[in-house]
């Protein structure tokens, strides 16, 4: 069973920045996890860099302290040389009020960087390709007995080694944290849809129920998630709205059904009286013509009352009984054309019939309710007769089954004005694309509801200025 509408107008494409609720959740989840991971990774990187740098400085300072302890100033400065690859050293003695005396400088020690050298006890500094630390102790001026003399100055030793190993270790930490960040973002990309699915599951259930309500004959309440949040409040509010709408629809349908039922008897009585009076041979021709006009108006009013009665039954959710029987669609199409030909002629329109030429009779039969199918096709023909472009024909076409589709009965007519977005509203009750046109706007709505009950597809398609209404069956019946 299907009921679809095709429209040549496309929906306005969504801009890239116009995210739906799922996209917003994915974006927020990804940003939060990504920023949190970035902040945590940055903090860890800073901490690890400081720890590695501090450990490197402590190791270098311990070596420098050991070298400093081995320096002798008596009678001449005697200094141990650095014994590690790439190490450089500078030793200076300074007294208050006098310029410092440089006692030793390695050949590769940075030149001209006196103010930039770290003081003893300060963190190490990178000067060029090396990292330097300083240690110091009180000492007497170099000379005889300097090691036992009272200290009057300060001996400072600067020791440096290549900074490349520390930078390589920091780079490894940086790469590790970067890989962790990328892995976290990948994990966020995998988990975000799952989290969004869990969060949006109550809304998806409500949307699915709303779609079922759109196609169903009754209004069932939406599922209410026991979340205690805004989603639960939304579901409860929508259920209250649906309950009110259901009550109003039921009251309206009951009123229509009751009013139509009450009107049928007096209308039948009036029409019978007019029929009897019109058969009196003594009536003047003018009176007979007037009675014929009244009889036609009463017949039209009777059909309108029948529509109201059918609307009342369908709107109240009552399932019309379906009397399944084999129906030859080619014969039904011919009978409908013969039945409606008088009305088309009176409206100044041409009704064209198109039947398959070489199809076998058995392939043109379906099992359905002949009366309800007749009502569907009569409403489609009536809609085409009223709303087709002036001076254009209406075509009633029977299409043979194909490998992918069953039999199709189509009603085609030209449009005076393109429907566009109004096409989707043609099957709404009481809707008329042209408010000045005759009718109540119930024909296509009734046809759609009856098609649902019969399990056939009713498709309205606008191509150019041509409106095609198709009744499609699943498959033909043989035998």
Protein backbone atom coordinates (compact mmCIF):
# COMPACT_ATOMS: atom_id res chain seq x y z
CA UNK A 1 0.00 0.00 0.00
CA UNK A 2 1.45 3.35 -0.97
CA UNK A 3 0.37 6.92 -1.38
CA UNK A 4 2.95 9.22 -2.89
CA UNK A 5 3.18 12.66 -4.39
CA UNK A 6 5.77 13.62 -7.01
CA UNK A 7 6.66 17.25 -7.53
CA UNK A 8 9.04 18.69 -10.08
CA UNK A 9 10.07 21.43 -7.67
CA UNK A 10 13.06 20.51 -5.55
CA UNK A 11 13.55 21.45 -1.93
CA UNK A 12 15.93 24.29 -1.26
CA UNK A 13 19.37 22.72 -0.69
CA UNK A 14 20.74 22.99 2.81
CA UNK A 15 23.77 25.22 3.16
CA UNK A 16 26.92 23.67 4.61
CA UNK A 17 26.62 25.73 7.76
CA UNK A 18 22.97 24.80 8.33
CA UNK A 19 23.42 21.68 10.42
CA UNK A 20 20.58 19.54 11.66
CA UNK A 21 20.27 18.40 15.24
CA UNK A 22 22.35 15.28 14.55
CA UNK A 23 25.04 17.40 12.87
CA UNK A 24 25.05 19.84 15.78
CA UNK A 25 25.46 16.99 18.27
CA UNK A 26 28.27 15.49 16.24
CA UNK A 27 29.98 18.86 15.95
CA UNK A 28 29.63 19.65 19.66
CA UNK A 29 30.78 16.18 20.70
CA UNK A 30 33.75 16.30 18.35
CA UNK A 31 34.72 19.82 19.42
CA UNK A 32 34.40 19.08 23.13
CA UNK A 33 36.38 15.85 22.92
CA UNK A 34 38.91 17.36 20.54
CA UNK A 35 39.44 20.50 22.65
CA UNK A 36 39.60 18.47 25.85
CA UNK A 37 42.15 16.12 24.30
CA UNK A 38 44.11 19.06 22.90
CA UNK A 39 44.15 20.81 26.28
CA UNK A 40 45.14 17.62 28.11
CA UNK A 41 47.79 16.82 25.50
CA UNK A 42 49.18 20.35 25.67
CA UNK A 43 49.39 20.18 29.44
CA UNK A 44 51.08 16.78 29.31
CA UNK A 45 53.51 17.98 26.64
CA UNK A 46 54.46 21.01 28.72
CA UNK A 47 54.87 18.93 31.86
CA UNK A 48 56.94 16.25 30.14
CA UNK A 49 59.12 18.84 28.42
CA UNK A 50 59.80 20.51 31.76
CA UNK A 51 60.58 17.18 33.39
CA UNK A 52 62.93 16.12 30.60
CA UNK A 53 64.63 19.50 30.62
CA UNK A 54 64.98 19.48 34.42
CA UNK A 55 66.39 15.93 34.37
CA UNK A 56 68.87 16.90 31.65
CA UNK A 57 69.94 19.97 33.64
CA UNK A 58 70.36 17.98 36.85
CA UNK A 59 72.49 15.38 35.08
CA UNK A 60 74.66 18.07 33.51
CA UNK A 61 74.88 20.04 36.77
CA UNK A 62 76.00 16.94 38.70
CA UNK A 63 78.79 16.39 36.19
CA UNK A 64 79.74 20.05 36.39
CA UNK A 65 79.81 19.89 40.19
CA UNK A 66 82.09 16.88 40.05
CA UNK A 67 84.48 18.71 37.70
CA UNK A 68 84.38 21.81 39.90
CA UNK A 69 85.32 19.79 42.95
CA UNK A 70 88.46 18.55 41.20
CA UNK A 71 89.81 22.00 40.31
CA UNK A 72 92.95 23.07 42.18
CA UNK A 73 94.26 26.65 42.27
CA UNK A 74 97.54 25.93 44.15
CA UNK A 75 100.02 27.01 42.90
CA UNK A 76 98.55 27.25 39.37
CA UNK A 77 95.02 26.42 38.18
CA UNK A 78 94.75 22.70 37.52
CA UNK A 79 91.48 21.72 35.83
CA UNK A 80 90.05 18.34 34.77
CA UNK A 81 88.86 18.31 31.19
CA UNK A 82 85.31 17.26 30.16
CA UNK A 83 85.22 13.58 29.35
CA UNK A 84 81.87 13.35 27.56
CA UNK A 85 81.51 13.68 23.76
CA UNK A 86 80.55 17.17 22.71
CA UNK A 87 81.02 18.76 26.16
CA UNK A 88 82.52 22.24 26.49
CA UNK A 89 83.64 24.06 29.62
CA UNK A 90 84.56 27.52 30.81
CA UNK A 91 86.06 28.37 34.20
CA UNK A 92 86.34 31.91 35.62
CA UNK A 93 87.40 33.44 38.93
CA UNK A 94 85.89 36.70 40.13
CA UNK A 95 86.53 38.95 43.13
CA UNK A 96 84.47 41.85 44.33
CA UNK A 97 85.34 45.07 42.55
CA UNK A 98 87.58 43.37 40.01
CA UNK A 99 86.86 42.00 36.55
CA UNK A 100 86.51 38.26 36.27
CA UNK A 101 89.54 36.27 35.17
CA UNK A 102 88.93 33.47 32.71
CA UNK A 103 90.95 30.44 33.74
CA UNK A 104 89.86 28.05 30.97
CA UNK A 105 87.64 27.98 27.87
CA UNK A 106 87.04 25.04 25.52
CA UNK A 107 87.62 25.74 21.88
CA UNK A 108 83.98 25.08 21.00
CA UNK A 109 82.60 27.12 23.89
CA UNK A 110 80.32 29.93 22.64
CA UNK A 111 82.26 33.19 22.37
CA UNK A 112 81.00 36.59 23.36
CA UNK A 113 78.00 35.40 25.36
CA UNK A 114 79.04 36.54 28.82
CA UNK A 115 75.73 38.22 29.82
CA UNK A 116 73.75 35.31 28.35
CA UNK A 117 75.48 32.69 30.45
CA UNK A 118 73.29 31.26 33.23
CA UNK A 119 74.36 32.08 36.80
CA UNK A 120 75.12 29.26 39.24
CA UNK A 121 71.96 27.55 40.50
CA UNK A 122 69.80 28.91 37.65
CA UNK A 123 68.07 26.63 35.11
CA UNK A 124 70.13 25.70 32.10
CA UNK A 125 70.04 27.74 28.92
CA UNK A 126 70.40 26.85 25.27
CA UNK A 127 73.12 28.83 23.51
CA UNK A 128 73.47 27.77 19.93
CA UNK A 129 73.57 23.99 19.58
CA UNK A 130 74.45 23.41 23.27
CA UNK A 131 72.75 23.62 26.62
CA UNK A 132 74.76 25.17 29.46
CA UNK A 133 74.53 25.04 33.26
CA UNK A 134 76.71 26.82 35.86
CA UNK A 135 78.00 25.78 39.26
CA UNK A 136 80.21 27.76 41.64
CA UNK A 137 82.05 27.77 44.95
CA UNK A 138 83.98 30.23 47.09
CA UNK A 139 87.71 30.25 46.45
CA UNK A 140 90.90 32.20 47.00
CA UNK A 141 92.82 33.72 44.09
CA UNK A 142 95.03 31.23 42.24
CA UNK A 143 98.51 31.01 43.68
CA UNK A 144 100.65 29.31 46.30
CA UNK A 145 98.47 28.09 49.19
CA UNK A 146 95.24 29.07 47.42
CA UNK A 147 93.49 25.81 48.31
CA UNK A 148 93.98 26.43 52.09
CA UNK A 149 93.66 30.22 52.06
CA UNK A 150 90.51 32.10 53.04
CA UNK A 151 88.12 32.57 50.16
CA UNK A 152 87.97 36.09 48.81
CA UNK A 153 86.26 35.42 45.48
CA UNK A 154 84.15 32.93 43.62
CA UNK A 155 85.08 30.23 41.16
CA UNK A 156 82.43 29.51 38.49
CA UNK A 157 82.33 26.61 36.04
CA UNK A 158 80.05 26.53 33.02
CA UNK A 159 79.53 23.13 31.42
CA UNK A 160 77.62 22.52 28.23
CA UNK A 161 76.69 19.55 26.11
CA UNK A 162 74.75 19.12 22.80
CA UNK A 163 71.07 20.07 23.06
CA UNK A 164 70.09 17.72 20.22
CA UNK A 165 69.38 14.62 22.39
CA UNK A 166 67.02 16.62 24.60
CA UNK A 167 65.23 18.07 21.56
CA UNK A 168 64.93 14.61 20.03
CA UNK A 169 63.41 13.25 23.24
CA UNK A 170 60.96 16.20 23.34
CA UNK A 171 60.14 15.61 19.67
CA UNK A 172 59.35 11.95 20.41
CA UNK A 173 57.03 13.03 23.20
CA UNK A 174 55.41 15.56 20.87
CA UNK A 175 54.84 12.93 18.17
CA UNK A 176 53.42 10.51 20.70
CA UNK A 177 50.98 13.09 22.03
CA UNK A 178 50.05 14.15 18.49
CA UNK A 179 49.29 10.56 17.57
CA UNK A 180 47.23 10.30 20.74
CA UNK A 181 45.31 13.45 19.75
CA UNK A 182 44.64 12.08 16.27
CA UNK A 183 43.56 8.77 17.77
CA UNK A 184 41.22 10.59 20.15
CA UNK A 185 39.72 12.56 17.27
CA UNK A 186 39.25 9.32 15.32
CA UNK A 187 37.63 7.73 18.35
CA UNK A 188 35.40 10.80 18.68
CA UNK A 189 34.40 10.44 15.03
CA UNK A 190 33.43 6.82 15.68
CA UNK A 191 31.67 7.43 18.99
CA UNK A 192 29.91 10.66 18.03
CA UNK A 193 27.33 8.94 15.74
CA UNK A 194 26.65 6.35 18.44
CA UNK A 195 26.18 9.03 21.09
CA UNK A 196 24.03 11.10 18.74
CA UNK A 197 21.97 8.01 17.92
CA UNK A 198 21.35 7.30 21.60
CA UNK A 199 20.47 10.93 22.31
CA UNK A 200 18.18 11.25 19.29
CA UNK A 201 16.52 7.84 19.63
CA UNK A 202 13.46 9.21 21.47
CA UNK A 203 13.03 11.87 18.78
CA UNK A 204 13.36 9.25 16.02
CA UNK A 205 10.67 7.14 17.69
CA UNK A 206 8.38 10.15 17.89
CA UNK A 207 9.08 11.01 14.23
CA UNK A 208 8.34 7.42 13.15
CA UNK A 209 5.09 7.42 15.08
CA UNK A 210 4.17 10.79 13.55
CA UNK A 211 4.75 9.35 10.05
CA UNK A 212 2.53 6.38 10.92
CA UNK A 213 -0.13 8.78 12.14
CA UNK A 214 0.04 10.64 8.83
CA UNK A 215 -0.84 7.48 6.92
CA UNK A 216 -3.03 5.79 9.52
CA UNK A 217 -6.73 6.20 10.16
CA UNK A 218 -6.35 6.79 13.88
CA UNK A 219 -4.10 9.02 15.96
CA UNK A 220 -2.02 6.97 18.35
CA UNK A 221 -0.02 8.75 21.06
CA UNK A 222 3.68 9.32 20.61
CA UNK A 223 6.09 7.27 22.74
CA UNK A 224 7.13 9.20 25.86
CA UNK A 225 10.73 8.55 26.95
CA UNK A 226 11.22 8.45 30.74
CA UNK A 227 14.18 10.82 30.58
CA UNK A 228 12.83 13.60 32.76
CA UNK A 229 14.16 16.26 30.37
CA UNK A 230 12.92 18.52 27.59
CA UNK A 231 12.42 15.55 25.22
CA UNK A 232 9.93 13.96 27.61
CA UNK A 233 8.20 17.32 28.05
CA UNK A 234 7.99 17.71 24.26
CA UNK A 235 6.48 14.23 23.82
CA UNK A 236 3.89 14.83 26.55
CA UNK A 237 2.95 18.22 25.06
CA UNK A 238 2.60 16.74 21.56
CA UNK A 239 0.43 13.92 22.93
CA UNK A 240 -1.87 16.47 24.54
CA UNK A 241 -2.09 18.29 21.21
CA UNK A 242 -2.78 15.03 19.35
CA UNK A 243 -5.49 14.13 21.85
CA UNK A 244 -7.24 17.44 21.25
CA UNK A 245 -6.89 17.07 17.47
CA UNK A 246 -8.20 13.53 17.62
CA UNK A 247 -11.22 14.63 19.65
CA UNK A 248 -11.97 17.47 17.25
CA UNK A 249 -11.58 15.22 14.20
CA UNK A 250 -13.88 12.62 15.73
CA UNK A 251 -16.50 15.23 16.59
CA UNK A 252 -16.33 16.69 13.08
CA UNK A 253 -16.58 13.27 11.44
CA UNK A 254 -19.52 12.29 13.64
CA UNK A 255 -21.29 15.53 12.82
CA UNK A 256 -20.79 15.04 9.08
CA UNK A 257 -21.95 11.46 9.24
CA UNK A 258 -25.03 12.33 11.30
CA UNK A 259 -25.96 15.33 9.13
CA UNK A 260 -25.49 13.36 5.91
CA UNK A 261 -27.53 10.46 7.24
CA UNK A 262 -30.37 12.77 8.25
CA UNK A 263 -30.35 14.53 4.84
CA UNK A 264 -30.49 11.38 2.75
CA UNK A 265 -34.11 10.55 3.58
CA UNK A 266 -35.71 13.96 2.74
CA UNK A 267 -33.56 14.23 -0.39
CA UNK A 268 -34.63 10.76 -1.55
CA UNK A 269 -38.26 11.72 -0.89
CA UNK A 270 -37.95 14.97 -2.86
CA UNK A 271 -36.23 13.26 -5.79
CA UNK A 272 -38.86 10.53 -5.90
CA UNK A 273 -41.61 13.15 -5.91
CA UNK A 274 -39.96 15.06 -8.74
CA UNK A 275 -39.51 11.88 -10.77
CA UNK A 276 -43.20 11.00 -10.37
CA UNK A 277 -44.33 14.54 -11.16
CA UNK A 278 -42.09 14.75 -14.18
CA UNK A 279 -43.75 11.71 -15.75
CA UNK A 280 -47.20 13.44 -15.84
CA UNK A 281 -47.99 13.85 -19.58
CA UNK A 282 -50.25 16.81 -18.81
CA UNK A 283 -47.36 18.99 -17.65
CA UNK A 284 -46.48 21.92 -19.90
CA UNK A 285 -43.01 21.69 -21.51
CA UNK A 286 -41.72 24.64 -19.50
CA UNK A 287 -42.75 23.04 -16.22
CA UNK A 288 -41.25 19.70 -17.28
CA UNK A 289 -37.92 21.43 -18.08
CA UNK A 290 -37.96 23.19 -14.71
CA UNK A 291 -38.63 19.92 -12.89
CA UNK A 292 -35.79 18.27 -14.82
CA UNK A 293 -33.44 21.04 -13.66
CA UNK A 294 -34.58 20.60 -10.08
CA UNK A 295 -34.08 16.86 -10.38
CA UNK A 296 -30.49 17.37 -11.61
CA UNK A 297 -29.74 19.70 -8.70
CA UNK A 298 -31.21 17.21 -6.24
CA UNK A 299 -29.03 14.47 -7.77
CA UNK A 300 -25.97 16.67 -7.36
CA UNK A 301 -26.95 17.43 -3.77
CA UNK A 302 -27.45 13.70 -3.17
CA UNK A 303 -23.93 12.96 -4.42
CA UNK A 304 -22.58 15.68 -2.13
CA UNK A 305 -24.41 14.15 0.83
CA UNK A 306 -22.98 10.73 -0.08
CA UNK A 307 -19.52 12.29 -0.07
CA UNK A 308 -20.17 13.78 3.36
CA UNK A 309 -21.33 10.41 4.64
CA UNK A 310 -18.22 8.75 3.24
CA UNK A 311 -16.03 11.49 4.75
CA UNK A 312 -17.68 10.90 8.11
CA UNK A 313 -16.99 7.18 8.00
CA UNK A 314 -13.40 7.56 6.78
CA UNK A 315 -12.62 10.48 9.07
CA UNK A 316 -13.88 8.60 12.13
CA UNK A 317 -11.41 5.81 11.42
CA UNK A 318 -14.01 3.28 10.34
CA UNK A 319 -12.64 0.61 8.03
CA UNK A 320 -14.88 0.23 4.99
CA UNK A 321 -15.61 -3.42 4.20
CA UNK A 322 -13.79 -4.63 1.12
CA UNK A 323 -15.62 -7.06 -1.16
CA UNK A 324 -12.79 -8.68 -3.11
CA UNK A 325 -13.70 -9.95 -6.57
CA UNK A 326 -12.15 -10.31 -9.98
CA UNK A 327 -12.54 -7.06 -11.93
CA UNK A 328 -11.75 -6.67 -15.63
CA UNK A 329 -10.21 -3.21 -15.75
CA UNK A 330 -10.72 -2.74 -19.48
CA UNK A 331 -14.45 -3.33 -19.07
CA UNK A 332 -14.56 -1.07 -16.01
CA UNK A 333 -12.80 1.73 -17.89
CA UNK A 334 -15.27 1.48 -20.77
CA UNK A 335 -18.23 1.49 -18.36
CA UNK A 336 -16.89 4.58 -16.57
CA UNK A 337 -16.35 6.39 -19.85
CA UNK A 338 -19.89 5.62 -20.96
CA UNK A 339 -21.23 6.76 -17.57
CA UNK A 340 -19.29 10.05 -17.53
CA UNK A 341 -19.56 10.93 -21.22
CA UNK A 342 -22.75 12.94 -20.73
CA UNK A 343 -21.16 15.12 -18.02
CA UNK A 344 -18.07 15.73 -20.13
CA UNK A 345 -20.19 16.78 -23.08
CA UNK A 346 -22.23 19.10 -20.89
CA UNK A 347 -18.98 20.68 -19.67
CA UNK A 348 -17.72 21.06 -23.26
CA UNK A 349 -14.84 18.65 -22.76
CA UNK A 350 -13.56 15.61 -24.64
CA UNK A 351 -12.99 12.31 -22.84
CA UNK A 352 -10.44 10.07 -24.55
CA UNK A 353 -10.00 6.38 -23.74
CA UNK A 354 -6.72 4.53 -24.29
CA UNK A 355 -6.66 0.73 -23.84
CA UNK A 356 -3.81 -1.71 -24.50
CA UNK A 357 -4.22 -3.34 -27.89
CA UNK A 358 -2.36 -6.63 -27.65
CA UNK A 359 -2.77 -7.45 -23.95
CA UNK A 360 -4.46 -10.72 -23.03
CA UNK A 361 -7.78 -10.39 -21.25
CA UNK A 362 -6.52 -12.36 -18.25
CA UNK A 363 -3.66 -9.89 -17.72
CA UNK A 364 -6.11 -7.00 -17.36
CA UNK A 365 -7.92 -8.42 -14.36
CA UNK A 366 -7.28 -7.59 -10.71
CA UNK A 367 -8.82 -8.72 -7.46
CA UNK A 368 -10.28 -5.70 -5.69
CA UNK A 369 -13.51 -4.04 -4.55
CA UNK A 370 -15.26 -2.88 -7.72
CA UNK A 371 -17.48 -0.30 -5.99
CA UNK A 372 -14.64 1.41 -4.12
CA UNK A 373 -12.39 1.35 -7.18
CA UNK A 374 -15.21 2.90 -9.19
CA UNK A 375 -15.55 5.66 -6.60
CA UNK A 376 -11.80 6.35 -6.80
CA UNK A 377 -11.80 6.61 -10.60
CA UNK A 378 -15.01 8.68 -10.68
CA UNK A 379 -13.45 11.18 -8.27
CA UNK A 380 -10.31 11.40 -10.40
CA UNK A 381 -12.38 11.94 -13.55
CA UNK A 382 -14.55 14.51 -11.79
CA UNK A 383 -11.43 16.41 -10.64
CA UNK A 384 -9.98 16.36 -14.16
CA UNK A 385 -13.29 17.51 -15.72
CA UNK A 386 -13.54 20.47 -13.33
CA UNK A 387 -9.96 21.65 -13.28
CA UNK A 388 -8.44 20.81 -16.69
CA UNK A 389 -7.31 23.71 -18.85
CA UNK A 390 -10.15 25.06 -21.03
CA UNK A 391 -10.45 23.40 -24.41
CA UNK A 392 -8.16 20.48 -23.54
CA UNK A 393 -9.15 16.81 -23.46
CA UNK A 394 -9.05 14.42 -20.51
CA UNK A 395 -7.52 10.98 -21.09
CA UNK A 396 -8.53 7.83 -19.24
CA UNK A 397 -5.70 5.37 -19.89
CA UNK A 398 -5.19 1.69 -18.96
CA UNK A 399 -1.54 0.65 -18.97
CA UNK A 400 -0.61 -3.06 -19.16
CA UNK A 401 1.58 -4.64 -16.49
CA UNK A 402 5.36 -4.64 -16.83
CA UNK A 403 8.11 -6.66 -15.19
CA UNK A 404 8.36 -4.13 -12.35
CA UNK A 405 4.81 -2.79 -12.01
CA UNK A 406 1.29 -4.08 -12.18
CA UNK A 407 -1.68 -2.64 -14.00
CA UNK A 408 -2.09 1.13 -13.95
CA UNK A 409 -5.22 3.19 -14.56
CA UNK A 410 -4.25 6.80 -15.28
CA UNK A 411 -6.28 9.99 -15.64
CA UNK A 412 -4.40 12.74 -17.50
CA UNK A 413 -5.33 16.36 -18.03
CA UNK A 414 -3.63 19.62 -18.91
CA UNK A 415 -3.31 22.32 -16.26
CA UNK A 416 -4.26 25.93 -16.79
CA UNK A 417 -1.73 27.01 -14.12
CA UNK A 418 1.16 24.88 -12.78
CA UNK A 419 0.44 23.54 -9.31
CA UNK A 420 4.00 23.53 -7.98
CA UNK A 421 3.97 23.25 -4.17
CA UNK A 422 0.16 23.01 -4.19
CA UNK A 423 0.42 19.49 -5.63
CA UNK A 424 1.24 18.12 -2.19
CA UNK A 425 -1.99 19.58 -0.79
CA UNK A 426 -4.42 18.20 -3.38
CA UNK A 427 -5.22 15.15 -1.28
CA UNK A 428 -5.94 17.19 1.87
CA UNK A 429 -9.58 17.29 2.91
CA UNK A 430 -11.46 20.43 1.89
CA UNK A 431 -8.51 21.81 -0.05
CA UNK A 432 -9.10 23.45 -3.45
CA UNK A 433 -6.28 24.78 -5.60
CA UNK A 434 -8.82 27.14 -7.20
CA UNK A 435 -11.24 28.42 -4.52
CA UNK A 436 -13.64 29.69 -7.22
CA UNK A 437 -13.92 26.28 -8.89
CA UNK A 438 -17.02 24.16 -8.13
CA UNK A 439 -16.73 21.34 -5.62
CA UNK A 440 -15.88 20.78 -1.97
CA UNK A 441 -12.27 19.65 -2.19
CA UNK A 442 -13.10 16.13 -0.98
CA UNK A 443 -12.76 14.06 -4.13
CA UNK A 444 -9.01 13.42 -4.09
CA UNK A 445 -8.98 13.02 -0.30
CA UNK A 446 -11.66 10.33 -0.53
CA UNK A 447 -9.79 8.68 -3.41
CA UNK A 448 -6.61 8.60 -1.34
CA UNK A 449 -8.27 7.07 1.71
CA UNK A 450 -10.09 4.45 -0.37
CA UNK A 451 -6.83 3.60 -2.17
CA UNK A 452 -5.23 3.01 1.23
CA UNK A 453 -8.00 0.65 2.22
CA UNK A 454 -7.75 -1.28 -1.05
CA UNK A 455 -3.97 -1.56 -0.86
CA UNK A 456 -3.34 0.17 -4.19
CA UNK A 457 -1.04 3.06 -4.93
CA UNK A 458 -2.39 6.49 -5.81
CA UNK A 459 0.30 8.71 -7.36
CA UNK A 460 -0.14 12.33 -8.42
CA UNK A 461 2.57 13.59 -10.74
CA UNK A 462 3.01 16.96 -12.42
CA UNK A 463 5.12 17.04 -15.57
CA UNK A 464 5.28 20.41 -17.21
CA UNK A 465 1.65 21.47 -17.33
CA UNK A 466 0.32 17.92 -17.37
CA UNK A 467 -1.25 16.37 -14.27
CA UNK A 468 -1.31 12.57 -14.13
CA UNK A 469 -3.22 10.65 -11.47
CA UNK A 470 -2.34 6.94 -11.44
CA UNK A 471 -3.99 4.06 -9.63
CA UNK A 472 -1.36 1.32 -9.56
CA UNK A 473 -1.97 -2.33 -8.66
CA UNK A 474 0.71 -4.66 -7.39
CA UNK A 475 0.26 -7.40 -9.99
CA UNK A 476 -2.42 -8.78 -12.31
CA UNK A 477 -4.53 -11.81 -11.47
CA UNK A 478 -4.70 -14.73 -13.86
CA UNK A 479 -7.35 -17.41 -14.00
